[in-house]
Amino acid sequence: MTKKNGEKVPIRTLKLQEQLKYEIADELGLFEKIEKSGWGALTASESGRIGGMIRKRNTQNKKKE
């Protein structure tokens, strides 16, 4: 679960891009940090790593189509 506007919201109800972001953060071992302190607690390196992996997956998905 994640916090959105102070409420807990199941990740499954988020948009696909948001779900992907959380999925990648979990793979990198950052999910607990985000859940506890929010996205602002990430370093620039951590945020960049997540963004890079999102871009890579989006590119791979477009090639499959």
C-alpha atoms as a PDB file:
ATOM      1  CA  MET A   1       0.000   0.000   0.000  1.00  0.00           C
ATOM      2  CA  THR A   2       1.065   3.545  -0.567  1.00  0.00           C
ATOM      3  CA  LYS A   3       0.086   6.901   0.817  1.00  0.00           C
ATOM      4  CA  LYS A   4      -1.751   9.295  -1.439  1.00  0.00           C
ATOM      5  CA  ASN A   5      -3.202  12.480   0.051  1.00  0.00           C
ATOM      6  CA  GLY A   6      -2.707  10.994   3.501  1.00  0.00           C
ATOM      7  CA  GLU A   7      -4.789   7.924   2.688  1.00  0.00           C
ATOM      8  CA  LYS A   8      -3.574   4.427   2.060  1.00  0.00           C
ATOM      9  CA  VAL A   9      -4.378   3.306  -1.466  1.00  0.00           C
ATOM     10  CA  PRO A  10      -3.795  -0.174  -2.912  1.00  0.00           C
ATOM     11  CA  ILE A  11      -1.104  -0.059  -5.578  1.00  0.00           C
ATOM     12  CA  ARG A  12      -3.336  -2.058  -7.930  1.00  0.00           C
ATOM     13  CA  THR A  13      -5.668   0.949  -8.209  1.00  0.00           C
ATOM     14  CA  LEU A  14      -2.922   3.252  -9.506  1.00  0.00           C
ATOM     15  CA  LYS A  15      -2.206   3.961 -13.182  1.00  0.00           C
ATOM     16  CA  LEU A  16       0.043   1.494 -14.992  1.00  0.00           C
ATOM     17  CA  GLN A  17       3.023   3.884 -15.000  1.00  0.00           C
ATOM     18  CA  GLU A  18       2.692   4.403 -11.250  1.00  0.00           C
ATOM     19  CA  GLN A  19       2.466   0.650 -10.709  1.00  0.00           C
ATOM     20  CA  LEU A  20       5.612   0.178 -12.778  1.00  0.00           C
ATOM     21  CA  LYS A  21       7.426   2.775 -10.700  1.00  0.00           C
ATOM     22  CA  TYR A  22       6.560   0.988  -7.471  1.00  0.00           C
ATOM     23  CA  GLU A  23       7.423  -2.400  -8.983  1.00  0.00           C
ATOM     24  CA  ILE A  24      10.896  -1.206  -9.980  1.00  0.00           C
ATOM     25  CA  ALA A  25      11.435   0.462  -6.597  1.00  0.00           C
ATOM     26  CA  ASP A  26      10.588  -2.866  -4.966  1.00  0.00           C
ATOM     27  CA  GLU A  27      13.050  -4.714  -7.220  1.00  0.00           C
ATOM     28  CA  LEU A  28      15.766  -2.258  -6.186  1.00  0.00           C
ATOM     29  CA  GLY A  29      14.948  -2.697  -2.504  1.00  0.00           C
ATOM     30  CA  LEU A  30      13.651   0.859  -2.118  1.00  0.00           C
ATOM     31  CA  PHE A  31       9.954   0.163  -1.560  1.00  0.00           C
ATOM     32  CA  GLU A  32      10.125   0.199   2.240  1.00  0.00           C
ATOM     33  CA  LYS A  33      12.041   3.482   2.211  1.00  0.00           C
ATOM     34  CA  ILE A  34       9.430   5.049  -0.060  1.00  0.00           C
ATOM     35  CA  GLU A  35       6.539   3.660   1.964  1.00  0.00           C
ATOM     36  CA  LYS A  36       8.028   4.960   5.198  1.00  0.00           C
ATOM     37  CA  SER A  37       9.359   8.370   4.128  1.00  0.00           C
ATOM     38  CA  GLY A  38       7.892   9.091   0.696  1.00  0.00           C
ATOM     39  CA  TRP A  39       9.465   9.636  -2.700  1.00  0.00           C
ATOM     40  CA  GLY A  40      11.302  12.750  -1.468  1.00  0.00           C
ATOM     41  CA  ALA A  41      13.520  10.573   0.716  1.00  0.00           C
ATOM     42  CA  LEU A  42      15.237   9.034  -2.306  1.00  0.00           C
ATOM     43  CA  THR A  43      18.623  10.274  -3.418  1.00  0.00           C
ATOM     44  CA  ALA A  44      19.091  11.621  -6.928  1.00  0.00           C
ATOM     45  CA  SER A  45      20.959   8.441  -7.819  1.00  0.00           C
ATOM     46  CA  GLU A  46      18.118   6.217  -6.620  1.00  0.00           C
ATOM     47  CA  SER A  47      15.498   8.271  -8.448  1.00  0.00           C
ATOM     48  CA  GLY A  48      17.598   8.256 -11.600  1.00  0.00           C
ATOM     49  CA  ARG A  49      17.989   4.507 -11.439  1.00  0.00           C
ATOM     50  CA  ILE A  50      14.225   4.052 -11.210  1.00  0.00           C
ATOM     51  CA  GLY A  51      13.670   6.461 -14.101  1.00  0.00           C
ATOM     52  CA  GLY A  52      16.266   4.707 -16.232  1.00  0.00           C
ATOM     53  CA  MET A  53      14.700   1.329 -15.671  1.00  0.00           C
ATOM     54  CA  ILE A  54      11.226   2.704 -16.493  1.00  0.00           C
ATOM     55  CA  ARG A  55      12.544   4.087 -19.764  1.00  0.00           C
ATOM     56  CA  LYS A  56      14.277   0.809 -20.594  1.00  0.00           C
ATOM     57  CA  ARG A  57      11.090  -1.197 -19.994  1.00  0.00           C
ATOM     58  CA  ASN A  58       8.968   1.224 -22.008  1.00  0.00           C
ATOM     59  CA  THR A  59      11.420   0.953 -24.912  1.00  0.00           C
ATOM     60  CA  GLN A  60      11.368  -2.837 -24.713  1.00  0.00           C
ATOM     61  CA  ASN A  61       7.561  -2.862 -24.679  1.00  0.00           C
ATOM     62  CA  LYS A  62       7.394  -0.605 -27.750  1.00  0.00           C
ATOM     63  CA  LYS A  63       9.775  -2.894 -29.651  1.00  0.00           C
ATOM     64  CA  LYS A  64       7.531  -5.869 -28.872  1.00  0.00           C
ATOM     65  CA  GLU A  65       4.582  -4.091 -30.475  1.00  0.00           C
END
